[in-house]
Each structure stands twice: as structure tokens, then as C-alpha cells.
């Protein structure tokens, strides 16, 4: 990836309707999960251009980890306020029980050894601390976006929960992006049956480069944002394009 790509992604992470609402859902969820005993030590893994780390400073000091070298260099230069290192979720360079909150937001779908990734997050989490992850849902929704972003898999809720069935407890898990799940699923399934024009991967970027005009931004933001009330109040949604899970260490 070149610098132009990361520059574009930097703005997408901060302005695109999907990121805006997803981040609100995550932050509202964490506010409900975490005690008021702050500041906390937070580890954020797979930070891309750093927007989630900026938001997580609400809870305390944030250590950021990015695996991709070019992305790490871009983010380090573009967001100098971030405490960021290059590293892998499969071998976190931190001692056991170091962090109160460990986040991997749309990260573990990129790694083959996702069980090891979860074990590493659990290892560096303090007793009574939390691990929070988000992932894309349902393999039948697989499309060019997953190829472009080098996903290994998409998840069901039972599959994701099985990764966390060790010492500790799952405090919440739910699908989200529920309302848009049905039109997105219909479009993706239909596109496999019809001879639609498929853009080249190099030109496609991802789903974030489409449905991003001002009208789409307002309409989809409003629809997606309405789900905040459910997740904020701990209400599980039966389906969705994405999954959210929190786990607490004993």
C-alpha cells in the first residue's frame, strides 16, 4: 500500500458513516462495561490510522500496536500524539496482566491463528480487566471487500464465543449493523447470480469507497445509528454484518 492509500483511509476512518457509528457503538458499550475507576491502562491492537486509539483515551492511557510496517510509519508520522509500536497480535511484547482493557477492533479476522490471538489478549489483560473485539459476521456475506482487506474468515456468534471460552466470562456478545444486514445480504447474494460488472481489486478499494456520497452518508448513518440504543442497553441483536464481544478475566 502506498502513502496515498493510507491518507485516504485516515479520512475514511474519521468521516465515513460506518466508522462513525461503529465507533459510537463501541464507546457506548465500553462506557457501560467499565467501572468509573479511571484512568485505565488500555491496549489497542491493529490501530490502522489511529482513530480508535484517539477515542479510547477517554478511559486512560492508550498503547497502540500496528502490525503493517507501512501503516505503522504513516500513523506514527501523521498522529504524533499516539503511543504506537509495531508488533503482532500473535506475539504481544508485553508482560502478563499488564492492561485493564485490551481491544482488537476488526483485527482477528486477518490472522489464521485467531485462537492464539485471543490467548495473547487474555494473557496481557489484568484480572477483572476486559477484552473487547469486533469482527465481520457470516461467511455467506463474503465479497470483494474481504479479499481487498485480506480477511481470513467472517464469524458467527457461536464461533466467536468459543474462542473466549477459557478462564473468565463473556459479559456481552451481539451482532450489530442489523437493519442494513438484510439489504446488504440480498445485494451480495444477488451479485453472485447476476453477471454484474466487478471492478478490479486494485480499483475497488473496499466497501468504504462506495455508498459514500452525502445522501448515502446521512441515510445510512441514521439507520445504523439507531442501533446504539440496543447495544448501549445490553440488548442482543439476532443478526448483523458485524459482531461485538466483551470478555472479563477472572
Protein backbone atom coordinates (compact mmCIF):
# COMPACT_ATOMS: atom_id res chain seq x y z
CA UNK A 1 0.00 0.00 0.00
CA UNK A 2 1.26 3.50 -0.77
CA UNK A 3 1.04 6.70 1.23
CA UNK A 4 -1.94 7.91 -0.83
CA UNK A 5 -3.93 4.86 0.31
CA UNK A 6 -3.23 5.50 4.00
CA UNK A 7 -4.01 9.19 3.60
CA UNK A 8 -7.38 8.29 2.13
CA UNK A 9 -8.00 5.69 4.83
CA UNK A 10 -7.11 8.26 7.50
CA UNK A 11 -10.03 10.42 6.37
CA UNK A 12 -12.37 7.43 5.87
CA UNK A 13 -11.78 6.33 9.48
CA UNK A 14 -12.86 9.77 10.69
CA UNK A 15 -15.70 10.68 8.30
CA UNK A 16 -17.35 7.58 6.80
CA UNK A 17 -20.80 6.76 8.20
CA UNK A 18 -19.87 3.16 9.01
CA UNK A 19 -16.82 4.11 11.08
CA UNK A 20 -18.64 6.96 12.81
CA UNK A 21 -21.46 4.73 14.01
CA UNK A 22 -19.34 1.65 14.71
CA UNK A 23 -17.08 3.73 16.94
CA UNK A 24 -20.05 5.22 18.79
CA UNK A 25 -21.44 1.73 19.40
CA UNK A 26 -18.09 0.51 20.74
CA UNK A 27 -17.57 3.52 23.00
CA UNK A 28 -21.11 3.43 24.41
CA UNK A 29 -20.72 -0.28 25.06
CA UNK A 30 -17.39 0.20 26.84
CA UNK A 31 -18.76 3.02 28.99
CA UNK A 32 -21.35 0.57 30.26
CA UNK A 33 -18.86 -2.25 30.82
CA UNK A 34 -16.10 -0.33 32.55
CA UNK A 35 -16.21 0.97 36.09
CA UNK A 36 -15.73 4.64 36.88
CA UNK A 37 -12.39 3.78 38.48
CA UNK A 38 -10.23 5.54 35.89
CA UNK A 39 -7.74 6.20 34.36
CA UNK A 40 -7.14 2.73 32.99
CA UNK A 41 -4.25 1.20 31.08
CA UNK A 42 -5.56 0.45 27.59
CA UNK A 43 -4.00 -1.64 24.82
CA UNK A 44 -5.40 -1.16 21.31
CA UNK A 45 -4.20 -3.69 18.72
CA UNK A 46 -4.38 -3.21 14.96
CA UNK A 47 -4.99 0.53 15.11
CA UNK A 48 -4.62 1.35 11.38
CA UNK A 49 -4.52 5.18 11.23
CA UNK A 50 -5.30 5.55 14.91
CA UNK A 51 -8.85 6.85 15.24
CA UNK A 52 -9.96 4.23 17.77
CA UNK A 53 -6.90 4.93 19.91
CA UNK A 54 -7.77 8.62 19.94
CA UNK A 55 -11.26 7.76 21.19
CA UNK A 56 -10.08 5.25 23.79
CA UNK A 57 -8.04 7.94 25.59
CA UNK A 58 -11.35 8.75 27.29
CA UNK A 59 -10.64 5.76 29.55
CA UNK A 60 -6.97 6.39 30.27
CA UNK A 61 -3.54 5.97 28.68
CA UNK A 62 -3.55 4.02 25.41
CA UNK A 63 -0.77 1.89 23.98
CA UNK A 64 -1.30 1.27 20.25
CA UNK A 65 0.02 -1.66 18.20
CA UNK A 66 0.04 -1.89 14.39
CA UNK A 67 1.44 -4.88 12.50
CA UNK A 68 1.77 -3.46 8.97
CA UNK A 69 5.07 -1.58 8.75
CA UNK A 70 3.98 1.00 6.17
CA UNK A 71 0.78 1.73 8.06
CA UNK A 72 2.72 1.99 11.33
CA UNK A 73 5.14 4.52 9.81
CA UNK A 74 2.28 6.57 8.34
CA UNK A 75 0.30 6.67 11.58
CA UNK A 76 3.34 7.42 13.70
CA UNK A 77 4.14 10.42 11.49
CA UNK A 78 0.56 11.61 10.99
CA UNK A 79 -0.70 11.22 14.57
CA UNK A 80 2.37 12.02 16.69
CA UNK A 81 0.32 12.08 19.89
CA UNK A 82 -0.19 8.29 19.70
CA UNK A 83 1.98 5.96 21.76
CA UNK A 84 2.38 3.39 19.00
CA UNK A 85 4.68 0.46 18.31
CA UNK A 86 4.93 -2.09 15.52
CA UNK A 87 4.02 -5.58 16.66
CA UNK A 88 1.92 -8.69 16.14
CA UNK A 89 -1.22 -9.74 17.98
CA UNK A 90 0.21 -13.27 17.91
CA UNK A 91 3.23 -12.25 20.00
CA UNK A 92 2.46 -9.15 22.05
CA UNK A 93 5.64 -7.65 23.54
CA UNK A 94 4.09 -7.05 26.97
CA UNK A 95 4.19 -8.79 30.32
CA UNK A 96 1.30 -10.86 31.65
CA UNK A 97 -1.54 -8.93 33.28
CA UNK A 98 -0.41 -5.50 32.06
CA UNK A 99 -3.63 -3.82 30.84
CA UNK A 100 -7.09 -3.08 32.20
CA UNK A 101 -8.67 -3.02 28.73
CA UNK A 102 -7.43 -4.80 25.60
CA UNK A 103 -9.12 -4.03 22.27
CA UNK A 104 -8.81 -5.59 18.81
CA UNK A 105 -11.41 -3.88 16.64
CA UNK A 106 -11.81 -5.69 13.32
CA UNK A 107 -8.44 -7.38 13.66
CA UNK A 108 -8.57 -11.11 14.41
CA UNK A 109 -10.34 -11.87 11.11
CA UNK A 110 -6.99 -11.03 9.49
CA UNK A 111 -4.99 -13.81 11.20
CA UNK A 112 -5.03 -17.57 10.65
CA UNK A 113 -4.25 -18.35 14.28
CA UNK A 114 -7.16 -16.44 15.81
CA UNK A 115 -7.21 -18.66 18.93
CA UNK A 116 -3.59 -17.68 19.65
CA UNK A 117 -4.51 -14.02 19.08
CA UNK A 118 -7.27 -14.29 21.69
CA UNK A 119 -4.97 -16.09 24.13
CA UNK A 120 -2.40 -13.31 23.79
CA UNK A 121 -5.03 -10.64 24.52
CA UNK A 122 -6.21 -12.62 27.54
CA UNK A 123 -2.63 -13.06 28.74
CA UNK A 124 -1.84 -9.35 28.87
CA UNK A 125 -5.22 -8.48 30.41
CA UNK A 126 -5.27 -7.82 34.16
CA UNK A 127 -7.54 -9.80 36.49
CA UNK A 128 -11.03 -8.23 36.36
CA UNK A 129 -9.94 -6.43 33.19
CA UNK A 130 -11.74 -6.62 29.86
CA UNK A 131 -11.02 -7.74 26.32
CA UNK A 132 -13.21 -6.21 23.59
CA UNK A 133 -13.28 -7.32 19.94
CA UNK A 134 -15.30 -6.65 16.83
CA UNK A 135 -15.29 -8.83 13.70
CA UNK A 136 -17.22 -9.15 10.42
CA UNK A 137 -20.10 -11.65 10.51
CA UNK A 138 -21.30 -14.58 8.36
CA UNK A 139 -19.16 -16.19 5.67
CA UNK A 140 -22.04 -16.07 3.18
CA UNK A 141 -21.57 -12.27 3.16
CA UNK A 142 -18.02 -12.70 1.82
CA UNK A 143 -17.33 -10.36 -1.09
CA UNK A 144 -14.56 -8.33 -2.70
CA UNK A 145 -14.27 -6.13 0.40
CA UNK A 146 -12.99 -9.17 2.34
CA UNK A 147 -10.47 -10.01 -0.39
CA UNK A 148 -9.16 -6.45 -0.59
CA UNK A 149 -8.76 -6.27 3.19
CA UNK A 150 -7.07 -9.70 3.42
CA UNK A 151 -9.66 -11.29 5.68
CA UNK A 152 -9.20 -14.94 6.55
CA UNK A 153 -12.78 -15.54 7.73
CA UNK A 154 -16.03 -14.00 8.89
CA UNK A 155 -17.68 -15.12 12.13
CA UNK A 156 -20.88 -16.38 13.67
CA UNK A 157 -21.59 -15.57 17.29
CA UNK A 158 -21.06 -19.18 18.48
CA UNK A 159 -17.70 -19.36 16.68
CA UNK A 160 -16.50 -16.11 18.22
CA UNK A 161 -17.71 -17.07 21.68
CA UNK A 162 -15.89 -20.42 21.51
CA UNK A 163 -12.59 -18.55 21.16
CA UNK A 164 -13.18 -16.95 24.56
CA UNK A 165 -14.38 -19.99 26.50
CA UNK A 166 -11.47 -20.16 28.90
CA UNK A 167 -10.85 -18.63 32.31
CA UNK A 168 -13.07 -15.60 32.59
CA UNK A 169 -16.55 -14.86 31.32
CA UNK A 170 -18.18 -13.34 28.26
CA UNK A 171 -20.00 -10.27 29.53
CA UNK A 172 -21.72 -9.38 26.26
CA UNK A 173 -21.86 -10.51 22.65
CA UNK A 174 -24.13 -9.37 19.87
CA UNK A 175 -24.39 -8.83 16.16
CA UNK A 176 -24.70 -5.23 15.03
CA UNK A 177 -25.43 -3.39 11.79
CA UNK A 178 -28.74 -5.26 11.96
CA UNK A 179 -31.06 -3.04 9.89
CA UNK A 180 -28.67 -2.89 6.93
CA UNK A 181 -27.92 -6.61 7.19
CA UNK A 182 -30.91 -7.55 5.02
CA UNK A 183 -30.27 -5.27 2.01
CA UNK A 184 -26.53 -5.95 2.18
CA UNK A 185 -27.08 -9.72 2.30
CA UNK A 186 -29.59 -9.53 -0.55
CA UNK A 187 -27.27 -7.48 -2.73
CA UNK A 188 -24.23 -9.67 -2.10
CA UNK A 189 -26.11 -12.89 -2.77
CA UNK A 190 -27.76 -11.46 -5.89
CA UNK A 191 -24.45 -10.21 -7.25
CA UNK A 192 -23.18 -13.78 -7.35
CA UNK A 193 -26.07 -14.84 -9.55
CA UNK A 194 -26.16 -11.97 -12.00
CA UNK A 195 -23.40 -11.04 -14.48
CA UNK A 196 -22.72 -7.74 -12.71
CA UNK A 197 -19.61 -5.80 -13.54
CA UNK A 198 -16.89 -6.48 -10.98
CA UNK A 199 -14.28 -3.85 -10.53
CA UNK A 200 -10.65 -4.85 -10.36
CA UNK A 201 -9.43 -5.33 -6.82
CA UNK A 202 -6.78 -2.64 -7.29
CA UNK A 203 -9.50 -0.16 -8.23
CA UNK A 204 -12.16 -1.30 -5.80
CA UNK A 205 -10.51 -0.39 -2.54
CA UNK A 206 -13.32 -1.69 -0.33
CA UNK A 207 -16.96 -1.17 0.54
CA UNK A 208 -15.92 2.10 2.18
CA UNK A 209 -15.23 3.64 -1.21
CA UNK A 210 -18.83 3.14 -2.35
CA UNK A 211 -22.14 4.35 -0.86
CA UNK A 212 -20.26 7.34 0.47
CA UNK A 213 -21.99 10.34 -1.12
CA UNK A 214 -23.63 12.93 1.10
CA UNK A 215 -27.09 11.38 0.71
CA UNK A 216 -25.82 7.88 1.48
CA UNK A 217 -23.87 9.30 4.42
CA UNK A 218 -26.96 10.83 6.02
CA UNK A 219 -29.36 7.97 5.33
CA UNK A 220 -27.09 5.08 6.32
CA UNK A 221 -25.73 6.98 9.32
CA UNK A 222 -29.26 7.49 10.62
CA UNK A 223 -30.31 3.87 10.06
CA UNK A 224 -27.15 2.37 11.57
CA UNK A 225 -27.03 4.84 14.45
CA UNK A 226 -30.47 3.76 15.66
CA UNK A 227 -28.90 0.52 16.88
CA UNK A 228 -26.91 2.38 19.54
CA UNK A 229 -29.85 2.22 21.93
CA UNK A 230 -29.89 -1.61 21.80
CA UNK A 231 -26.16 -2.20 22.30
CA UNK A 232 -25.93 0.54 24.92
CA UNK A 233 -28.60 -1.21 26.98
CA UNK A 234 -27.13 -4.68 26.55
CA UNK A 235 -29.80 -5.93 24.15
CA UNK A 236 -28.53 -8.60 21.77
CA UNK A 237 -29.41 -8.31 18.09
CA UNK A 238 -30.18 -11.57 16.25
CA UNK A 239 -28.15 -10.86 13.10
CA UNK A 240 -25.90 -8.24 11.58
CA UNK A 241 -22.99 -7.51 9.31
CA UNK A 242 -20.62 -7.34 12.32
CA UNK A 243 -20.14 -8.82 15.78
CA UNK A 244 -19.15 -7.26 19.12
CA UNK A 245 -17.90 -9.24 22.13
CA UNK A 246 -16.55 -8.34 25.55
CA UNK A 247 -14.86 -10.77 27.94
CA UNK A 248 -13.78 -10.23 31.56
CA UNK A 249 -10.81 -12.01 33.13
CA UNK A 250 -11.35 -13.75 36.44
